[in-house]
Amino acid sequence: MKILITGGAGFIGSHITDAAIEAGMEAVVLDNLLTGRKENLNPRARFYLADIRHKDISDIFASEKPDIVCHQAAQVSVRNSVEDPAGDAAINIVGSINVLDNCKKFGAGKIVFASSGGAIYGEQEKFPAPEEHPARPESPYGAAKLSVEQYLYIYRKIFGLKYVALRYSNVYGPRQDPFGEAGVVAIFTARMLSGNTPLINGDGGQTRDYVYVGDVVQANMLAFRDGAEGSFNVGTGIETDVNRLYDLIREKTGYAGGNEHGPAKAGEQRRSVLDCARIKRELGWKQRCALEDGLKETVEYFRQKAVQA
């Protein structure tokens, strides 16, 4: 079976690529390397330097004719989407439609899409939020992810393209970018290891559901199977606030300094936590890595890489 991974040189996509190859799949990676890194590329994957927004990705689809497309490529920052909604939509909506069109045109059997449970629900009415929770995104990023899920439904209904949308909570782990606006675990870890002061936005009481990248990879591998279809939350069902996260990473890194507080950021919700009963029941997924264990693995990765931020 041949799989094409968009964003396969990125944080999550590169881990999925590794797992797919280990499972015996033929892997093709499409990445523009704006945020992905060559060092993340699996040497056993065929790599194309390309952008999902460009029409020339049709040549790649025509040549490779993948059985499955795992669509991880995206603009991932909520804050950037607030500052530049059109730029976010150009990548996350228009780019995704371009991928869908090529799936349809060249006969891909299924697309697995990286959606966001952490952003599409908005301020929650129920904790944790199930997939049936009202979708009221409070950022352009969340609106774009929800829009693509609606396009997935349309392409399934009209063109027969099977899909799974995996609604990730806040994913963390090795290879996450510590230099961007997204990924508080990586940012805190890199800053603490280099002796720089972490910045906490707002009062630090905002909560998130932190899920380890290895568990997200497992969800994708299950989504590739025949019979898996629809939208599924991928998280832990556990809320952790930023102040608690700071304390945990401080303990793991041995950081002896303090922190600073800045203003809260527009477009970020107060609480976010996902109910993952559906993916456990229907796909047999389960969380394998507890937060403290995942943070230990992540800190060790950054320590070995000696990344400073």
Protein backbone atom coordinates (compact mmCIF):
# COMPACT_ATOMS: atom_id res chain seq x y z
CA MET A 1 0.00 0.00 0.00
CA LYS A 2 1.27 3.44 -0.94
CA ILE A 3 0.67 6.46 1.30
CA LEU A 4 1.35 10.11 0.52
CA ILE A 5 1.96 12.29 3.59
CA THR A 6 1.60 16.04 3.13
CA GLY A 7 3.73 17.84 5.69
CA GLY A 8 5.76 14.66 6.12
CA ALA A 9 8.89 16.57 7.11
CA GLY A 10 7.03 18.30 9.93
CA PHE A 11 6.56 17.46 13.59
CA ILE A 12 3.61 15.07 13.42
CA GLY A 13 3.90 14.11 9.75
CA SER A 14 7.47 12.84 10.09
CA HIS A 15 6.49 10.54 12.96
CA ILE A 16 3.59 9.20 10.89
CA THR A 17 5.95 8.61 7.97
CA ASP A 18 8.30 6.60 10.19
CA ALA A 19 5.43 4.47 11.51
CA ALA A 20 3.99 3.86 8.05
CA ILE A 21 7.35 2.66 6.75
CA GLU A 22 7.85 0.42 9.77
CA ALA A 23 4.41 -1.08 9.04
CA GLY A 24 5.57 -1.99 5.52
CA MET A 25 3.86 0.82 3.62
CA GLU A 26 5.46 2.64 0.70
CA ALA A 27 5.74 6.27 1.82
CA VAL A 28 5.81 9.43 -0.29
CA VAL A 29 6.37 12.79 1.42
CA LEU A 30 5.23 16.16 0.06
CA ASP A 31 6.51 19.17 2.02
CA ASN A 32 7.51 22.76 1.20
CA LEU A 33 10.03 22.82 4.10
CA LEU A 34 8.82 26.20 5.33
CA THR A 35 8.29 24.69 8.77
CA GLY A 36 9.22 21.07 8.08
CA ARG A 37 12.87 20.06 8.35
CA LYS A 38 15.05 17.91 6.12
CA GLU A 39 16.51 16.23 9.20
CA ASN A 40 13.05 14.85 9.99
CA LEU A 41 12.75 13.10 6.64
CA ASN A 42 12.88 9.33 6.68
CA PRO A 43 15.52 8.25 4.11
CA ARG A 44 13.25 5.37 3.04
CA ALA A 45 10.50 7.79 1.95
CA ARG A 46 10.37 9.37 -1.49
CA PHE A 47 10.45 13.15 -1.03
CA TYR A 48 8.97 15.93 -3.15
CA LEU A 49 9.63 19.58 -2.38
CA ALA A 50 6.21 21.07 -3.13
CA ASP A 51 3.46 23.28 -1.73
CA ILE A 52 -0.14 22.09 -1.33
CA ARG A 53 -1.37 25.46 -2.66
CA HIS A 54 0.27 24.95 -6.06
CA LYS A 55 -1.33 23.22 -9.02
CA ASP A 56 1.88 21.36 -9.84
CA ILE A 57 1.24 18.86 -7.05
CA SER A 58 -0.97 17.20 -9.68
CA ASP A 59 2.23 15.92 -11.32
CA ILE A 60 3.18 14.21 -8.05
CA PHE A 61 -0.25 12.61 -7.67
CA ALA A 62 -0.22 11.53 -11.32
CA SER A 63 3.18 9.91 -10.92
CA GLU A 64 2.65 8.28 -7.52
CA LYS A 65 -1.10 7.49 -7.50
CA PRO A 66 -1.25 6.94 -3.70
CA ASP A 67 -3.80 4.59 -2.17
CA ILE A 68 -4.13 6.80 0.93
CA VAL A 69 -3.34 10.47 1.54
CA CYS A 70 -2.47 11.57 5.07
CA HIS A 71 -2.98 15.34 5.04
CA GLN A 72 -0.90 16.91 7.82
CA ALA A 73 0.38 20.02 6.01
CA ALA A 74 -1.04 23.19 7.54
CA GLN A 75 -0.53 26.63 8.98
CA VAL A 76 -0.63 25.60 12.65
CA SER A 77 -0.62 28.82 14.66
CA VAL A 78 -3.90 30.14 16.08
CA ARG A 79 -2.26 33.51 16.71
CA ASN A 80 -0.96 33.79 13.15
CA SER A 81 -4.44 32.98 11.85
CA VAL A 82 -5.87 35.88 13.86
CA GLU A 83 -3.25 38.25 12.45
CA ASP A 84 -3.59 36.97 8.87
CA PRO A 85 -6.91 35.18 8.28
CA ALA A 86 -6.53 35.23 4.49
CA GLY A 87 -3.08 33.67 4.68
CA ASP A 88 -4.37 30.96 6.99
CA ALA A 89 -7.30 30.23 4.67
CA ALA A 90 -5.04 30.09 1.61
CA ILE A 91 -3.09 27.22 3.17
CA ASN A 92 -5.61 25.48 5.38
CA ILE A 93 -8.71 25.74 3.20
CA VAL A 94 -7.66 26.39 -0.41
CA GLY A 95 -4.56 24.19 -0.11
CA SER A 96 -6.65 21.40 1.38
CA ILE A 97 -9.19 21.64 -1.45
CA ASN A 98 -6.31 21.30 -3.90
CA VAL A 99 -5.27 18.09 -2.12
CA LEU A 100 -8.86 16.82 -2.21
CA ASP A 101 -9.19 17.55 -5.91
CA ASN A 102 -6.06 15.54 -6.62
CA CYS A 103 -7.28 12.66 -4.46
CA LYS A 104 -10.44 12.59 -6.57
CA LYS A 105 -8.66 13.03 -9.89
CA PHE A 106 -6.03 10.34 -9.35
CA GLY A 107 -8.06 7.75 -7.49
CA ALA A 108 -6.89 7.87 -3.88
CA GLY A 109 -9.12 5.59 -1.84
CA LYS A 110 -9.06 7.58 1.40
CA ILE A 111 -7.80 10.79 2.95
CA VAL A 112 -6.93 11.12 6.64
CA PHE A 113 -7.03 14.75 7.74
CA ALA A 114 -5.37 16.46 10.71
CA SER A 115 -8.24 18.46 12.19
CA SER A 116 -8.38 20.20 15.57
CA GLY A 117 -10.61 19.33 18.48
CA GLY A 118 -8.77 21.97 20.43
CA ALA A 119 -9.95 24.76 18.10
CA ILE A 120 -13.21 23.87 16.33
CA TYR A 121 -15.39 23.55 19.44
CA GLY A 122 -14.59 27.00 20.83
CA GLU A 123 -15.56 27.71 24.43
CA GLN A 124 -16.98 24.40 25.57
CA GLU A 125 -20.37 23.76 27.11
CA LYS A 126 -19.41 20.24 28.18
CA PHE A 127 -16.15 18.92 29.61
CA PRO A 128 -14.71 16.88 28.05
CA ALA A 129 -16.22 17.67 24.62
CA PRO A 130 -17.54 14.78 22.48
CA GLU A 131 -17.63 14.94 18.69
CA GLU A 132 -21.30 16.01 18.84
CA HIS A 133 -20.40 19.16 20.78
CA PRO A 134 -21.49 22.38 18.98
CA ALA A 135 -18.70 23.67 16.75
CA ARG A 136 -18.17 27.37 17.40
CA PRO A 137 -14.53 28.12 16.61
CA GLU A 138 -13.15 31.37 17.99
CA SER A 139 -10.23 31.74 15.58
CA PRO A 140 -9.73 31.64 11.81
CA TYR A 141 -7.58 28.56 12.34
CA GLY A 142 -10.46 26.68 13.97
CA ALA A 143 -12.90 27.93 11.32
CA ALA A 144 -10.60 26.64 8.57
CA LYS A 145 -10.27 23.19 10.12
CA LEU A 146 -14.04 22.93 10.49
CA SER A 147 -14.51 24.11 6.90
CA VAL A 148 -12.21 21.38 5.57
CA GLU A 149 -14.17 18.75 7.51
CA GLN A 150 -17.29 19.97 5.72
CA TYR A 151 -15.51 19.67 2.36
CA LEU A 152 -14.48 16.14 3.32
CA TYR A 153 -18.13 15.27 3.85
CA ILE A 154 -19.06 16.79 0.49
CA TYR A 155 -16.30 14.93 -1.38
CA ARG A 156 -17.42 11.69 0.27
CA LYS A 157 -21.07 12.27 -0.64
CA ILE A 158 -20.53 13.47 -4.22
CA PHE A 159 -17.32 11.73 -5.30
CA GLY A 160 -17.10 8.74 -2.96
CA LEU A 161 -13.78 9.75 -1.39
CA LYS A 162 -13.55 8.05 2.00
CA TYR A 163 -12.19 10.13 4.87
CA VAL A 164 -11.23 10.23 8.51
CA ALA A 165 -10.85 13.57 10.30
CA LEU A 166 -8.76 13.27 13.45
CA ARG A 167 -9.53 16.14 15.80
CA TYR A 168 -6.28 16.51 17.69
CA SER A 169 -6.06 18.14 21.08
CA ASN A 170 -2.70 19.83 21.90
CA VAL A 171 -0.02 17.54 20.48
CA TYR A 172 3.51 17.62 21.92
CA GLY A 173 6.67 15.56 21.72
CA PRO A 174 10.06 15.20 20.03
CA ARG A 175 10.63 17.23 16.82
CA GLN A 176 8.10 19.92 17.75
CA ASP A 177 9.22 23.40 16.69
CA PRO A 178 10.31 25.52 19.68
CA PHE A 179 10.65 28.69 17.64
CA GLY A 180 7.10 29.29 16.44
CA GLU A 181 3.96 30.61 18.11
CA ALA A 182 2.42 27.14 18.52
CA GLY A 183 3.63 24.35 20.80
CA VAL A 184 3.97 25.57 24.38
CA VAL A 185 5.67 22.35 25.54
CA ALA A 186 8.49 22.73 23.02
CA ILE A 187 8.80 26.47 23.66
CA PHE A 188 8.97 26.11 27.45
CA THR A 189 11.36 23.16 27.22
CA ALA A 190 13.83 24.86 24.89
CA ARG A 191 13.81 28.08 26.88
CA MET A 192 14.30 26.37 30.23
CA LEU A 193 17.13 24.16 28.96
CA SER A 194 18.91 27.22 27.59
CA GLY A 195 18.36 29.22 30.79
CA ASN A 196 15.99 31.72 29.19
CA THR A 197 12.83 32.93 30.93
CA PRO A 198 9.56 31.36 29.70
CA LEU A 199 6.65 33.69 28.94
CA ILE A 200 3.18 32.67 30.13
CA ASN A 201 0.34 34.36 28.26
CA GLY A 202 -2.39 35.66 30.56
CA ASP A 203 -2.71 34.27 34.07
CA GLY A 204 -1.72 30.71 33.07
CA GLY A 205 -5.05 29.30 34.19
CA GLN A 206 -6.11 28.36 30.64
CA THR A 207 -6.32 24.58 30.24
CA ARG A 208 -5.49 22.24 27.39
CA ASP A 209 -5.59 18.50 26.73
CA TYR A 210 -1.96 17.52 26.02
CA VAL A 211 -1.57 14.35 23.95
CA TYR A 212 1.78 12.73 23.11
CA VAL A 213 2.75 12.54 19.44
CA GLY A 214 3.17 8.76 19.60
CA ASP A 215 -0.48 8.38 20.56
CA VAL A 216 -1.48 10.63 17.66
CA VAL A 217 0.56 8.46 15.30
CA GLN A 218 -1.28 5.40 16.59
CA ALA A 219 -4.61 7.12 15.81
CA ASN A 220 -3.49 7.79 12.24
CA MET A 221 -2.35 4.22 11.71
CA LEU A 222 -5.75 2.96 12.85
CA ALA A 223 -7.48 5.51 10.60
CA PHE A 224 -5.72 4.07 7.54
CA ARG A 225 -7.56 0.77 7.96
CA ASP A 226 -10.55 -0.23 5.89
CA GLY A 227 -13.82 0.58 7.61
CA ALA A 228 -12.54 3.59 9.56
CA GLU A 229 -14.54 6.67 8.57
CA GLY A 230 -15.81 9.91 10.09
CA SER A 231 -14.56 12.41 12.66
CA PHE A 232 -12.78 11.36 15.85
CA ASN A 233 -11.34 13.24 18.81
CA VAL A 234 -7.75 12.38 19.74
CA GLY A 235 -6.77 13.47 23.23
CA THR A 236 -6.54 12.34 26.83
CA GLY A 237 -9.69 13.67 28.48
CA ILE A 238 -7.49 15.40 31.07
CA GLU A 239 -7.20 19.17 31.51
CA THR A 240 -3.84 20.67 32.47
CA ASP A 241 -3.42 24.40 32.95
CA VAL A 242 -0.37 26.28 31.72
CA ASN A 243 0.91 26.99 35.23
CA ARG A 244 0.87 23.27 36.05
CA LEU A 245 2.55 22.48 32.73
CA TYR A 246 5.26 25.02 33.52
CA ASP A 247 5.88 23.36 36.89
CA LEU A 248 6.11 19.88 35.33
CA ILE A 249 8.58 20.98 32.64
CA ARG A 250 10.57 22.96 35.22
CA GLU A 251 10.92 19.76 37.26
CA LYS A 252 11.98 17.69 34.24
CA THR A 253 14.54 20.23 32.98
CA GLY A 254 15.95 21.27 36.35
CA TYR A 255 15.34 24.92 35.47
CA ALA A 256 16.05 27.16 38.46
CA GLY A 257 14.74 30.47 37.14
CA GLY A 258 11.29 32.05 37.10
CA ASN A 259 8.79 33.08 34.46
CA GLU A 260 7.12 36.18 33.08
CA HIS A 261 3.45 36.81 32.33
CA GLY A 262 2.28 38.62 29.20
CA PRO A 263 -1.18 39.60 27.98
CA ALA A 264 -3.67 36.92 26.99
CA LYS A 265 -3.80 36.24 23.25
CA ALA A 266 -6.83 36.95 21.08
CA GLY A 267 -8.61 33.89 19.65
CA GLU A 268 -7.49 31.48 22.36
CA GLN A 269 -10.17 29.76 24.39
CA ARG A 270 -10.06 29.38 28.18
CA ARG A 271 -10.61 25.64 28.53
CA SER A 272 -10.22 22.74 26.12
CA VAL A 273 -10.45 18.99 26.76
CA LEU A 274 -11.71 16.16 24.54
CA ASP A 275 -13.88 13.10 25.06
CA CYS A 276 -12.23 10.25 23.13
CA ALA A 277 -14.75 7.48 23.76
CA ARG A 278 -15.64 7.18 20.06
CA ILE A 279 -12.14 6.47 18.75
CA LYS A 280 -11.58 3.99 21.57
CA ARG A 281 -14.85 2.22 20.85
CA GLU A 282 -14.81 2.25 17.04
CA LEU A 283 -11.10 2.08 16.15
CA GLY A 284 -9.62 0.44 19.26
CA TRP A 285 -7.36 3.40 20.02
CA LYS A 286 -6.08 4.04 23.54
CA GLN A 287 -3.77 6.54 25.15
CA ARG A 288 -0.47 4.88 25.94
CA CYS A 289 1.66 7.76 27.18
CA ALA A 290 0.84 9.75 30.33
CA LEU A 291 1.76 13.45 30.40
CA GLU A 292 4.68 13.11 32.79
CA ASP A 293 6.20 10.27 30.74
CA GLY A 294 5.73 12.18 27.49
CA LEU A 295 7.31 15.30 28.96
CA LYS A 296 10.30 13.24 30.10
CA GLU A 297 10.79 11.91 26.55
CA THR A 298 10.38 15.40 25.08
CA VAL A 299 12.84 17.05 27.48
CA GLU A 300 15.40 14.33 26.79
CA TYR A 301 15.04 14.87 23.04
CA PHE A 302 15.62 18.61 23.35
CA ARG A 303 18.48 18.08 25.77
CA GLN A 304 20.24 15.83 23.27
CA LYS A 305 19.58 18.26 20.44
CA ALA A 306 20.82 21.16 22.59
CA VAL A 307 18.11 23.38 21.07
CA GLN A 308 18.04 26.89 22.49
CA ALA A 309 15.16 29.35 22.27
